[in-house]
């Protein structure tokens, strides 16, 4: 069977290659980097004339602050680090064995970064115990397919928040045999993720998640 592929606007070429860095003696955290990637992507889309996002300039401003408008760079620089540091403080990231961890119920506080900069809004959906659910996968899938917008997912409880920007699926028939044999229809699903590691190890993973963080113009 053949796969069907769906991509957020711009696919690979539009993805910011932001990375983690040290902040207050600990890694800044994947949650803050993931929101930074989403905000940087949307700001770049506004500047490039994407009709869905063109009125939402201001997500990124000069040097990552609250001054004049600027276009978010796709490569890491000090302004991007300033943006990610501010997001990190808003979402209450804490140090856990040297890594920056963020509870899912705090991830929505990233909207404090948006306040006073842009009309963009965000929403989060999650399982508080880190259990993967189909409904959460469907939030992420719909963001990519219906709105052509990347989405934050959760791939490990207090472990990692990458950004999914591709979704692929296929249906296939599997032959099962226990005492007797039958055919079973199976659907394979995958997300393509930006890991937030400066472009390293981006790729396809199983489309399963316990968290979905979305942005809306």
N, C-alpha and C. Protein backbone atom coordinates (compact mmCIF):
# COMPACT_ATOMS: atom_id res chain seq x y z
N UNK A 1 0.84 -1.18 0.00
CA UNK A 1 0.00 0.00 0.00
C UNK A 1 0.89 1.25 0.00
N UNK A 2 0.39 2.33 -0.57
CA UNK A 2 1.17 3.55 -0.65
C UNK A 2 0.80 4.51 0.48
N UNK A 3 1.79 5.29 0.90
CA UNK A 3 1.60 6.27 1.95
C UNK A 3 1.00 7.55 1.38
N UNK A 4 0.19 8.24 2.19
CA UNK A 4 -0.29 9.58 1.89
C UNK A 4 0.43 10.55 2.81
N UNK A 5 1.04 11.59 2.23
CA UNK A 5 1.86 12.53 2.99
C UNK A 5 1.18 13.90 3.07
N UNK A 6 1.27 14.52 4.24
CA UNK A 6 0.75 15.86 4.46
C UNK A 6 1.82 16.67 5.20
N UNK A 7 1.96 17.96 4.82
CA UNK A 7 3.01 18.80 5.40
C UNK A 7 2.45 20.15 5.84
N UNK A 8 2.98 20.67 6.92
CA UNK A 8 2.73 22.06 7.26
C UNK A 8 3.32 22.94 6.17
N UNK A 9 2.83 24.17 6.08
CA UNK A 9 3.27 25.08 5.03
C UNK A 9 4.80 25.22 5.04
N UNK A 10 5.39 25.06 3.87
CA UNK A 10 6.83 25.22 3.73
C UNK A 10 7.64 23.97 4.00
N UNK A 11 7.00 22.96 4.60
CA UNK A 11 7.65 21.68 4.88
C UNK A 11 9.02 21.90 5.52
N UNK A 12 10.05 21.20 5.03
CA UNK A 12 11.37 21.24 5.66
C UNK A 12 12.00 22.63 5.57
N UNK A 13 11.85 23.29 4.44
CA UNK A 13 12.55 24.56 4.22
C UNK A 13 12.09 25.66 5.17
N UNK A 14 10.89 25.55 5.71
CA UNK A 14 10.35 26.60 6.57
C UNK A 14 10.60 26.36 8.06
N UNK A 15 11.26 25.25 8.39
CA UNK A 15 11.44 24.91 9.80
C UNK A 15 12.64 25.63 10.43
N UNK A 16 12.42 26.34 11.54
CA UNK A 16 13.54 26.93 12.27
C UNK A 16 14.44 25.82 12.85
N UNK A 17 15.73 26.03 12.80
CA UNK A 17 16.67 25.05 13.35
C UNK A 17 17.17 25.53 14.71
N UNK A 18 16.23 25.71 15.65
CA UNK A 18 16.59 26.16 16.99
C UNK A 18 17.06 24.99 17.83
N UNK A 19 17.85 25.32 18.85
CA UNK A 19 18.48 24.29 19.66
C UNK A 19 18.41 24.66 21.13
N UNK A 20 18.64 23.69 22.00
CA UNK A 20 18.72 23.96 23.43
C UNK A 20 20.08 24.57 23.77
N UNK A 21 20.12 25.25 24.91
CA UNK A 21 21.35 25.87 25.38
C UNK A 21 21.24 25.98 26.90
N UNK A 22 22.35 26.30 27.54
CA UNK A 22 22.38 26.38 29.00
C UNK A 22 21.75 27.69 29.48
N UNK A 23 20.95 27.58 30.53
CA UNK A 23 20.28 28.76 31.11
C UNK A 23 20.16 28.54 32.61
N UNK A 24 20.78 29.42 33.38
CA UNK A 24 20.77 29.30 34.84
C UNK A 24 21.26 27.94 35.31
N UNK A 25 22.32 27.45 34.67
CA UNK A 25 22.94 26.20 35.09
C UNK A 25 22.24 24.94 34.66
N UNK A 26 21.28 25.04 33.73
CA UNK A 26 20.53 23.87 33.29
C UNK A 26 20.17 24.06 31.81
N UNK A 27 19.82 22.98 31.15
CA UNK A 27 19.32 23.11 29.78
C UNK A 27 18.04 23.94 29.78
N UNK A 28 17.87 24.77 28.78
CA UNK A 28 16.73 25.68 28.74
C UNK A 28 15.40 24.93 28.64
N UNK A 29 15.43 23.71 28.09
CA UNK A 29 14.22 22.88 28.05
C UNK A 29 13.59 22.79 26.68
N UNK A 30 13.13 21.59 26.35
CA UNK A 30 12.54 21.36 25.03
C UNK A 30 11.19 22.04 24.87
N UNK A 31 10.46 22.26 25.97
CA UNK A 31 9.16 22.92 25.87
C UNK A 31 9.29 24.34 25.36
N UNK A 32 10.22 25.10 25.94
CA UNK A 32 10.45 26.48 25.50
C UNK A 32 10.98 26.52 24.08
N UNK A 33 11.87 25.61 23.73
CA UNK A 33 12.40 25.57 22.36
C UNK A 33 11.28 25.24 21.37
N UNK A 34 10.40 24.31 21.74
CA UNK A 34 9.30 23.94 20.84
C UNK A 34 8.37 25.13 20.58
N UNK A 35 8.00 25.86 21.65
CA UNK A 35 7.17 27.05 21.42
C UNK A 35 7.92 28.07 20.58
N UNK A 36 9.23 28.23 20.83
CA UNK A 36 10.02 29.15 20.02
C UNK A 36 10.00 28.77 18.56
N UNK A 37 10.11 27.47 18.27
CA UNK A 37 10.04 27.00 16.88
C UNK A 37 8.68 27.34 16.26
N UNK A 38 7.60 27.09 16.99
CA UNK A 38 6.27 27.40 16.45
C UNK A 38 6.10 28.90 16.20
N UNK A 39 6.51 29.72 17.18
CA UNK A 39 6.35 31.16 17.02
C UNK A 39 7.25 31.68 15.89
N UNK A 40 8.49 31.16 15.82
CA UNK A 40 9.38 31.57 14.74
C UNK A 40 8.84 31.18 13.38
N UNK A 41 8.28 29.96 13.29
CA UNK A 41 7.69 29.51 12.03
C UNK A 41 6.55 30.44 11.61
N UNK A 42 5.63 30.73 12.54
CA UNK A 42 4.47 31.56 12.20
C UNK A 42 4.88 32.98 11.83
N UNK A 43 5.86 33.54 12.54
CA UNK A 43 6.32 34.90 12.22
C UNK A 43 6.93 34.93 10.83
N UNK A 44 7.72 33.91 10.49
CA UNK A 44 8.30 33.83 9.16
C UNK A 44 7.23 33.68 8.09
N UNK A 45 6.19 32.91 8.40
CA UNK A 45 5.08 32.74 7.45
C UNK A 45 4.35 34.06 7.24
N UNK A 46 4.16 34.84 8.29
CA UNK A 46 3.51 36.14 8.16
C UNK A 46 4.32 37.05 7.23
N UNK A 47 5.64 37.02 7.39
CA UNK A 47 6.50 37.88 6.58
C UNK A 47 6.53 37.44 5.12
N UNK A 48 6.36 36.14 4.89
CA UNK A 48 6.44 35.63 3.52
C UNK A 48 5.12 35.73 2.77
N UNK A 49 4.05 36.18 3.45
CA UNK A 49 2.77 36.40 2.79
C UNK A 49 1.80 35.25 2.84
N UNK A 50 2.06 34.25 3.68
CA UNK A 50 1.09 33.17 3.88
C UNK A 50 -0.25 33.80 4.26
N UNK A 51 -1.32 33.62 3.46
CA UNK A 51 -2.58 34.32 3.73
C UNK A 51 -3.19 33.96 5.07
N UNK A 52 -2.87 32.78 5.60
CA UNK A 52 -3.41 32.36 6.89
C UNK A 52 -2.75 33.09 8.05
N UNK A 53 -1.49 33.56 7.83
CA UNK A 53 -0.71 34.14 8.92
C UNK A 53 -0.25 35.58 8.66
N UNK A 54 -0.53 36.14 7.50
CA UNK A 54 0.08 37.42 7.14
C UNK A 54 -0.28 38.56 8.09
N UNK A 55 -1.41 38.48 8.80
CA UNK A 55 -1.79 39.55 9.73
C UNK A 55 -1.23 39.34 11.12
N UNK A 56 -0.42 38.31 11.30
CA UNK A 56 0.09 37.99 12.64
C UNK A 56 1.58 38.25 12.78
N UNK A 57 2.05 39.31 12.12
CA UNK A 57 3.42 39.75 12.34
C UNK A 57 3.54 40.19 13.81
N UNK A 58 4.75 40.28 14.29
CA UNK A 58 4.98 40.72 15.67
C UNK A 58 5.21 39.60 16.65
N UNK A 59 5.03 38.35 16.23
CA UNK A 59 5.36 37.24 17.11
C UNK A 59 6.82 37.33 17.55
N UNK A 60 7.66 37.73 16.61
CA UNK A 60 9.07 37.94 16.94
C UNK A 60 9.39 39.41 16.67
N UNK A 61 10.07 40.04 17.64
CA UNK A 61 10.44 41.44 17.49
C UNK A 61 11.95 41.60 17.65
N UNK A 62 12.43 42.80 17.44
CA UNK A 62 13.87 43.04 17.41
C UNK A 62 14.55 42.44 18.63
N UNK A 63 15.54 41.61 18.37
CA UNK A 63 16.35 40.96 19.40
C UNK A 63 15.53 40.10 20.35
N UNK A 64 14.37 39.64 19.88
CA UNK A 64 13.53 38.79 20.71
C UNK A 64 12.80 39.51 21.82
N UNK A 65 12.80 40.84 21.77
CA UNK A 65 12.17 41.63 22.84
C UNK A 65 10.77 42.08 22.48
N UNK A 66 10.40 43.29 22.94
CA UNK A 66 9.06 43.84 22.72
C UNK A 66 9.09 45.14 21.93
N UNK A 67 10.18 45.37 21.20
CA UNK A 67 10.32 46.59 20.43
C UNK A 67 9.72 46.49 19.05
N UNK A 68 10.46 47.01 18.06
CA UNK A 68 9.98 47.03 16.69
C UNK A 68 9.87 45.65 16.08
N UNK A 69 9.08 45.59 15.01
CA UNK A 69 8.88 44.31 14.34
C UNK A 69 10.15 43.84 13.65
N UNK A 70 10.34 42.53 13.63
CA UNK A 70 11.45 41.90 12.91
C UNK A 70 10.96 40.55 12.43
N UNK A 71 11.66 39.96 11.48
CA UNK A 71 11.31 38.63 10.99
C UNK A 71 12.14 37.59 11.74
N UNK A 72 11.47 36.61 12.31
CA UNK A 72 12.18 35.57 13.05
C UNK A 72 13.15 34.84 12.13
N UNK A 73 14.41 34.73 12.51
CA UNK A 73 15.35 33.98 11.68
C UNK A 73 15.11 32.48 11.80
N UNK A 74 15.45 31.75 10.76
CA UNK A 74 15.33 30.30 10.82
C UNK A 74 16.52 29.67 11.53
N UNK A 75 17.63 30.41 11.61
CA UNK A 75 18.81 29.93 12.31
C UNK A 75 18.87 30.56 13.70
N UNK A 76 19.49 29.86 14.62
CA UNK A 76 19.61 30.32 16.00
C UNK A 76 20.50 31.56 16.08
N UNK A 77 20.07 32.57 16.84
CA UNK A 77 20.92 33.70 17.17
C UNK A 77 20.54 34.20 18.56
N UNK A 78 21.14 35.29 19.00
CA UNK A 78 20.91 35.73 20.37
C UNK A 78 19.48 36.22 20.57
N UNK A 79 18.88 36.81 19.54
CA UNK A 79 17.49 37.22 19.65
C UNK A 79 16.57 36.04 19.88
N UNK A 80 16.81 34.94 19.16
CA UNK A 80 16.03 33.72 19.37
C UNK A 80 16.24 33.19 20.79
N UNK A 81 17.47 33.23 21.26
CA UNK A 81 17.73 32.79 22.64
C UNK A 81 16.96 33.65 23.64
N UNK A 82 16.89 34.96 23.40
CA UNK A 82 16.11 35.83 24.29
C UNK A 82 14.64 35.43 24.30
N UNK A 83 14.09 35.14 23.11
CA UNK A 83 12.70 34.70 23.03
C UNK A 83 12.50 33.42 23.82
N UNK A 84 13.38 32.44 23.64
CA UNK A 84 13.23 31.15 24.30
C UNK A 84 13.41 31.29 25.81
N UNK A 85 14.33 32.15 26.26
CA UNK A 85 14.49 32.38 27.70
C UNK A 85 13.20 32.93 28.31
N UNK A 86 12.59 33.90 27.62
CA UNK A 86 11.35 34.47 28.15
C UNK A 86 10.25 33.41 28.22
N UNK A 87 10.10 32.63 27.16
CA UNK A 87 9.10 31.56 27.16
C UNK A 87 9.36 30.59 28.30
N UNK A 88 10.61 30.22 28.48
CA UNK A 88 10.99 29.28 29.53
C UNK A 88 10.56 29.77 30.89
N UNK A 89 10.74 31.06 31.16
CA UNK A 89 10.32 31.61 32.45
C UNK A 89 8.80 31.59 32.61
N UNK A 90 8.08 31.84 31.51
CA UNK A 90 6.61 31.84 31.58
C UNK A 90 6.06 30.45 31.87
N UNK A 91 6.69 29.41 31.32
CA UNK A 91 6.13 28.05 31.43
C UNK A 91 6.71 27.26 32.61
N UNK A 92 7.45 27.94 33.47
CA UNK A 92 7.91 27.35 34.73
C UNK A 92 8.74 26.08 34.54
N UNK A 93 9.60 26.10 33.53
CA UNK A 93 10.51 24.97 33.33
C UNK A 93 11.44 24.85 34.53
N UNK A 94 11.71 23.63 34.96
CA UNK A 94 12.58 23.40 36.11
C UNK A 94 13.67 22.39 35.73
N UNK A 95 14.72 22.36 36.52
CA UNK A 95 15.86 21.51 36.23
C UNK A 95 15.63 20.11 36.79
N UNK A 96 15.78 19.11 35.93
CA UNK A 96 15.61 17.72 36.32
C UNK A 96 16.80 16.93 35.77
N UNK A 97 17.72 16.57 36.64
CA UNK A 97 18.96 15.86 36.27
C UNK A 97 19.67 16.53 35.09
N UNK A 98 19.74 17.86 35.15
CA UNK A 98 20.45 18.62 34.13
C UNK A 98 19.63 19.02 32.93
N UNK A 99 18.44 18.45 32.79
CA UNK A 99 17.56 18.79 31.67
C UNK A 99 16.47 19.74 32.14
N UNK A 100 15.92 20.51 31.21
CA UNK A 100 14.82 21.41 31.54
C UNK A 100 13.49 20.71 31.31
N UNK A 101 12.74 20.46 32.38
CA UNK A 101 11.45 19.76 32.29
C UNK A 101 10.31 20.73 32.51
N UNK A 102 9.19 20.48 31.84
CA UNK A 102 8.02 21.34 31.94
C UNK A 102 6.77 20.48 32.06
N UNK A 103 5.97 20.74 33.10
CA UNK A 103 4.71 20.02 33.23
C UNK A 103 3.75 20.45 32.12
N UNK A 104 2.95 19.52 31.61
CA UNK A 104 2.05 19.88 30.50
C UNK A 104 1.04 20.95 30.86
N UNK A 105 0.61 20.99 32.12
CA UNK A 105 -0.37 22.00 32.51
C UNK A 105 0.24 23.40 32.59
N UNK A 106 1.56 23.50 32.54
CA UNK A 106 2.22 24.81 32.50
C UNK A 106 2.56 25.26 31.09
N UNK A 107 2.50 24.35 30.12
CA UNK A 107 2.90 24.71 28.75
C UNK A 107 2.03 25.83 28.18
N UNK A 108 0.76 25.88 28.56
CA UNK A 108 -0.15 26.90 28.04
C UNK A 108 0.22 28.30 28.47
N UNK A 109 1.08 28.44 29.50
CA UNK A 109 1.48 29.77 29.96
C UNK A 109 2.38 30.47 28.93
N UNK A 110 2.73 29.77 27.88
CA UNK A 110 3.47 30.43 26.79
C UNK A 110 2.65 31.55 26.16
N UNK A 111 1.34 31.58 26.41
CA UNK A 111 0.53 32.66 25.85
C UNK A 111 0.91 34.02 26.44
N UNK A 112 1.63 34.02 27.57
CA UNK A 112 2.10 35.28 28.15
C UNK A 112 3.13 35.95 27.24
N UNK A 113 3.87 35.13 26.52
CA UNK A 113 4.82 35.69 25.55
C UNK A 113 4.05 36.41 24.43
N UNK A 114 2.93 35.86 24.01
CA UNK A 114 2.16 36.43 22.90
C UNK A 114 1.49 37.74 23.28
N UNK A 115 1.11 37.88 24.55
CA UNK A 115 0.36 39.06 25.00
C UNK A 115 1.15 40.34 24.75
N UNK A 116 0.51 41.29 24.07
CA UNK A 116 1.14 42.57 23.78
C UNK A 116 2.01 42.57 22.55
N UNK A 117 2.19 41.41 21.92
CA UNK A 117 3.00 41.32 20.71
C UNK A 117 2.17 41.06 19.46
N UNK A 118 1.11 40.24 19.59
CA UNK A 118 0.41 39.72 18.41
C UNK A 118 -0.98 39.24 18.81
N UNK A 119 -1.84 39.06 17.83
CA UNK A 119 -3.15 38.48 18.09
C UNK A 119 -3.17 36.97 18.04
N UNK A 120 -2.03 36.36 17.79
CA UNK A 120 -1.94 34.90 17.75
C UNK A 120 -2.35 34.31 19.10
N UNK A 121 -3.03 33.17 19.06
CA UNK A 121 -3.44 32.48 20.29
C UNK A 121 -2.92 31.04 20.26
N UNK A 122 -2.98 30.39 21.40
CA UNK A 122 -2.54 29.00 21.48
C UNK A 122 -3.50 28.20 22.34
N UNK A 123 -3.41 26.89 22.22
CA UNK A 123 -4.23 25.98 23.02
C UNK A 123 -3.42 24.72 23.27
N UNK A 124 -3.63 24.11 24.43
CA UNK A 124 -2.95 22.85 24.75
C UNK A 124 -3.96 21.79 25.15
N UNK A 125 -3.65 20.55 24.83
CA UNK A 125 -4.47 19.39 25.18
C UNK A 125 -3.49 18.31 25.64
N UNK A 126 -3.82 17.61 26.71
CA UNK A 126 -2.85 16.63 27.22
C UNK A 126 -3.52 15.62 28.14
N UNK A 127 -2.80 14.52 28.35
CA UNK A 127 -3.15 13.56 29.38
C UNK A 127 -2.19 13.79 30.53
N UNK A 128 -2.71 14.11 31.69
CA UNK A 128 -1.89 14.50 32.84
C UNK A 128 -0.94 13.40 33.29
N UNK A 129 -1.24 12.15 32.95
CA UNK A 129 -0.39 11.02 33.34
C UNK A 129 0.59 10.61 32.24
N UNK A 130 0.58 11.34 31.14
CA UNK A 130 1.48 11.01 30.04
C UNK A 130 1.04 9.82 29.22
N UNK A 131 -0.24 9.48 29.28
CA UNK A 131 -0.77 8.35 28.51
C UNK A 131 -1.13 8.82 27.10
N UNK A 132 -0.66 8.11 26.10
CA UNK A 132 -0.93 8.48 24.71
C UNK A 132 -2.39 8.19 24.37
N UNK A 133 -3.03 9.13 23.69
CA UNK A 133 -4.44 9.00 23.35
C UNK A 133 -4.66 9.33 21.87
N UNK A 134 -5.62 8.64 21.26
CA UNK A 134 -5.97 8.92 19.87
C UNK A 134 -6.47 10.35 19.69
N UNK A 135 -7.24 10.86 20.65
CA UNK A 135 -7.79 12.22 20.51
C UNK A 135 -6.67 13.25 20.43
N UNK A 136 -5.58 13.02 21.15
CA UNK A 136 -4.46 13.95 21.13
C UNK A 136 -3.70 13.85 19.82
N UNK A 137 -3.53 12.63 19.33
CA UNK A 137 -2.95 12.47 17.99
C UNK A 137 -3.81 13.19 16.95
N UNK A 138 -5.12 13.13 17.09
CA UNK A 138 -6.02 13.74 16.12
C UNK A 138 -5.93 15.27 16.14
N UNK A 139 -5.73 15.88 17.33
CA UNK A 139 -5.50 17.32 17.38
C UNK A 139 -4.27 17.68 16.54
N UNK A 140 -3.20 16.92 16.75
CA UNK A 140 -1.96 17.20 16.03
C UNK A 140 -2.13 16.97 14.53
N UNK A 141 -2.76 15.86 14.17
CA UNK A 141 -2.99 15.55 12.76
C UNK A 141 -3.80 16.65 12.09
N UNK A 142 -4.85 17.12 12.75
CA UNK A 142 -5.71 18.14 12.15
C UNK A 142 -4.98 19.46 11.96
N UNK A 143 -4.11 19.81 12.89
CA UNK A 143 -3.33 21.04 12.74
C UNK A 143 -2.50 20.99 11.46
N UNK A 144 -1.86 19.86 11.22
CA UNK A 144 -1.00 19.72 10.05
C UNK A 144 -1.82 19.64 8.77
N UNK A 145 -2.87 18.81 8.76
CA UNK A 145 -3.63 18.58 7.52
C UNK A 145 -4.56 19.75 7.21
N UNK A 146 -5.34 20.19 8.20
CA UNK A 146 -6.40 21.16 7.94
C UNK A 146 -5.90 22.60 7.93
N UNK A 147 -4.89 22.91 8.78
CA UNK A 147 -4.43 24.30 8.88
C UNK A 147 -3.00 24.48 8.39
N UNK A 148 -2.38 23.39 7.95
CA UNK A 148 -1.00 23.45 7.44
C UNK A 148 -0.06 24.11 8.44
N UNK A 149 -0.31 23.83 9.72
CA UNK A 149 0.43 24.47 10.81
C UNK A 149 1.11 23.41 11.68
N UNK A 150 2.40 23.56 11.98
CA UNK A 150 3.05 22.61 12.88
C UNK A 150 2.41 22.60 14.26
N UNK A 151 2.73 21.59 15.04
CA UNK A 151 2.12 21.41 16.35
C UNK A 151 3.12 20.74 17.28
N UNK A 152 3.10 21.12 18.54
CA UNK A 152 3.97 20.47 19.53
C UNK A 152 3.31 19.17 19.97
N UNK A 153 4.11 18.11 20.06
CA UNK A 153 3.62 16.84 20.60
C UNK A 153 4.51 16.42 21.76
N UNK A 154 4.08 15.40 22.49
CA UNK A 154 4.86 14.87 23.60
C UNK A 154 5.28 13.44 23.32
N UNK A 155 6.58 13.17 23.35
CA UNK A 155 7.05 11.82 23.05
C UNK A 155 7.58 11.09 24.28
N UNK A 156 7.57 11.74 25.42
CA UNK A 156 7.99 11.10 26.66
C UNK A 156 7.55 11.96 27.83
N UNK A 157 7.03 11.34 28.87
CA UNK A 157 6.52 12.09 30.02
C UNK A 157 7.67 12.85 30.69
N UNK A 158 7.56 14.19 30.70
CA UNK A 158 8.60 15.07 31.21
C UNK A 158 9.95 14.79 30.55
N UNK A 159 9.90 14.32 29.32
CA UNK A 159 11.12 13.93 28.62
C UNK A 159 11.37 14.79 27.38
N UNK A 160 10.36 14.87 26.47
CA UNK A 160 10.63 15.60 25.24
C UNK A 160 9.35 16.10 24.59
N UNK A 161 9.44 17.37 24.09
CA UNK A 161 8.38 18.00 23.30
C UNK A 161 8.97 18.39 21.94
N UNK A 162 8.88 17.55 20.92
CA UNK A 162 9.27 17.98 19.57
C UNK A 162 8.11 18.69 18.87
N UNK A 163 8.39 19.21 17.69
CA UNK A 163 7.38 19.87 16.86
C UNK A 163 7.10 19.00 15.65
N UNK A 164 5.86 18.55 15.49
CA UNK A 164 5.47 17.75 14.34
C UNK A 164 5.03 18.67 13.21
N UNK A 165 5.59 18.45 12.01
CA UNK A 165 5.16 19.26 10.87
C UNK A 165 4.85 18.43 9.64
N UNK A 166 4.92 17.11 9.77
CA UNK A 166 4.51 16.21 8.70
C UNK A 166 3.67 15.08 9.27
N UNK A 167 2.72 14.61 8.48
CA UNK A 167 1.88 13.48 8.90
C UNK A 167 1.69 12.57 7.69
N UNK A 168 1.88 11.26 7.90
CA UNK A 168 1.72 10.29 6.82
C UNK A 168 0.93 9.09 7.33
N UNK A 169 0.17 8.48 6.42
CA UNK A 169 -0.61 7.30 6.82
C UNK A 169 -0.77 6.36 5.63
N UNK A 170 -1.01 5.11 5.95
CA UNK A 170 -1.35 4.12 4.94
C UNK A 170 -2.24 3.05 5.56
N UNK A 171 -3.12 2.49 4.75
CA UNK A 171 -3.91 1.33 5.13
C UNK A 171 -3.33 0.09 4.48
N UNK A 172 -3.31 -1.01 5.21
CA UNK A 172 -2.82 -2.27 4.65
C UNK A 172 -3.58 -3.43 5.30
N UNK A 173 -3.52 -4.56 4.64
CA UNK A 173 -4.19 -5.77 5.12
C UNK A 173 -3.14 -6.72 5.67
N UNK A 174 -3.37 -7.19 6.90
CA UNK A 174 -2.45 -8.11 7.55
C UNK A 174 -3.16 -9.45 7.75
N UNK A 175 -2.47 -10.53 7.41
CA UNK A 175 -3.01 -11.87 7.59
C UNK A 175 -2.67 -12.37 9.00
N UNK A 176 -3.68 -12.68 9.81
CA UNK A 176 -3.48 -13.18 11.17
C UNK A 176 -3.90 -14.65 11.23
N UNK A 177 -3.16 -15.43 12.00
CA UNK A 177 -3.50 -16.84 12.16
C UNK A 177 -3.29 -17.29 13.61
N UNK A 178 -4.39 -17.66 14.27
CA UNK A 178 -4.36 -18.34 15.57
C UNK A 178 -5.48 -19.38 15.53
N UNK A 179 -5.12 -20.63 15.36
CA UNK A 179 -6.07 -21.73 15.14
C UNK A 179 -6.70 -21.64 13.76
N UNK A 180 -7.20 -20.46 13.41
CA UNK A 180 -7.69 -20.22 12.05
C UNK A 180 -7.15 -18.86 11.60
N UNK A 181 -7.31 -18.55 10.35
CA UNK A 181 -6.72 -17.33 9.78
C UNK A 181 -7.80 -16.33 9.34
N UNK A 182 -7.44 -15.09 9.40
CA UNK A 182 -8.33 -14.03 8.95
C UNK A 182 -7.50 -12.84 8.49
N UNK A 183 -8.12 -11.94 7.74
CA UNK A 183 -7.49 -10.70 7.30
C UNK A 183 -7.90 -9.56 8.22
N UNK A 184 -6.95 -8.70 8.53
CA UNK A 184 -7.22 -7.56 9.41
C UNK A 184 -6.72 -6.29 8.74
N UNK A 185 -7.57 -5.25 8.72
CA UNK A 185 -7.17 -3.95 8.17
C UNK A 185 -6.39 -3.17 9.23
N UNK A 186 -5.22 -2.68 8.85
CA UNK A 186 -4.34 -1.96 9.77
C UNK A 186 -4.01 -0.61 9.16
N UNK A 187 -4.01 0.45 9.98
CA UNK A 187 -3.60 1.78 9.54
C UNK A 187 -2.29 2.15 10.22
N UNK A 188 -1.28 2.47 9.44
CA UNK A 188 0.00 2.95 9.95
C UNK A 188 0.00 4.47 9.89
N UNK A 189 0.48 5.11 10.96
CA UNK A 189 0.49 6.57 11.02
C UNK A 189 1.85 7.04 11.55
N UNK A 190 2.37 8.12 10.97
CA UNK A 190 3.66 8.65 11.40
C UNK A 190 3.64 10.18 11.39
N UNK A 191 4.39 10.77 12.32
CA UNK A 191 4.66 12.20 12.33
C UNK A 191 6.11 12.44 11.92
N UNK A 192 6.35 13.51 11.16
CA UNK A 192 7.71 13.97 10.92
C UNK A 192 7.96 15.12 11.88
N UNK A 193 9.04 15.02 12.67
CA UNK A 193 9.24 15.98 13.76
C UNK A 193 10.55 16.76 13.61
N UNK A 194 10.47 18.00 14.06
CA UNK A 194 11.62 18.85 14.32
C UNK A 194 11.95 18.65 15.79
N UNK A 195 13.07 18.02 16.08
CA UNK A 195 13.39 17.65 17.46
C UNK A 195 13.80 18.84 18.32
N UNK A 196 14.08 19.98 17.71
CA UNK A 196 14.56 21.11 18.49
C UNK A 196 16.00 20.96 18.91
N UNK A 197 16.76 20.24 18.10
CA UNK A 197 18.19 20.00 18.37
C UNK A 197 19.03 20.56 17.24
N UNK A 198 18.64 21.73 16.74
CA UNK A 198 19.41 22.37 15.69
C UNK A 198 19.37 21.65 14.37
N UNK A 199 18.34 20.86 14.14
CA UNK A 199 18.20 20.11 12.90
C UNK A 199 18.65 18.67 13.01
N UNK A 200 19.31 18.30 14.11
CA UNK A 200 19.79 16.94 14.27
C UNK A 200 18.65 15.99 14.60
N UNK A 201 18.68 14.82 13.99
CA UNK A 201 17.77 13.70 14.27
C UNK A 201 16.30 14.02 13.95
N UNK A 202 16.05 15.04 13.13
CA UNK A 202 14.68 15.23 12.65
C UNK A 202 14.30 14.02 11.79
N UNK A 203 13.02 13.63 11.84
CA UNK A 203 12.62 12.49 11.02
C UNK A 203 11.27 11.93 11.43
N UNK A 204 10.95 10.77 10.87
CA UNK A 204 9.65 10.14 11.11
C UNK A 204 9.65 9.36 12.42
N UNK A 205 8.55 9.51 13.16
CA UNK A 205 8.31 8.71 14.36
C UNK A 205 6.87 8.22 14.31
N UNK A 206 6.54 7.24 15.13
CA UNK A 206 5.16 6.77 15.21
C UNK A 206 4.24 7.90 15.64
N UNK A 207 3.09 8.03 14.98
CA UNK A 207 2.14 9.11 15.29
C UNK A 207 1.36 8.76 16.55
N UNK A 208 1.99 9.02 17.68
CA UNK A 208 1.38 8.76 18.98
C UNK A 208 1.84 9.85 19.93
N UNK A 209 0.94 10.39 20.75
CA UNK A 209 1.31 11.49 21.63
C UNK A 209 0.38 11.57 22.83
N UNK A 210 0.90 12.17 23.90
CA UNK A 210 0.08 12.46 25.09
C UNK A 210 -0.13 13.96 25.25
N UNK A 211 0.39 14.75 24.28
CA UNK A 211 0.29 16.21 24.37
C UNK A 211 0.13 16.78 22.97
N UNK A 212 -0.66 17.85 22.85
CA UNK A 212 -0.76 18.60 21.60
C UNK A 212 -0.85 20.09 21.93
N UNK A 213 0.11 20.85 21.42
CA UNK A 213 0.12 22.30 21.62
C UNK A 213 -0.01 23.00 20.28
N UNK A 214 -1.09 23.77 20.11
CA UNK A 214 -1.43 24.36 18.83
C UNK A 214 -1.37 25.88 18.89
N UNK A 215 -1.13 26.51 17.75
CA UNK A 215 -1.24 27.96 17.62
C UNK A 215 -2.25 28.29 16.54
N UNK A 216 -2.90 29.46 16.69
CA UNK A 216 -3.95 29.89 15.77
C UNK A 216 -3.75 31.37 15.46
N UNK A 217 -3.96 31.78 14.20
CA UNK A 217 -3.78 33.21 13.85
C UNK A 217 -4.90 34.08 14.42
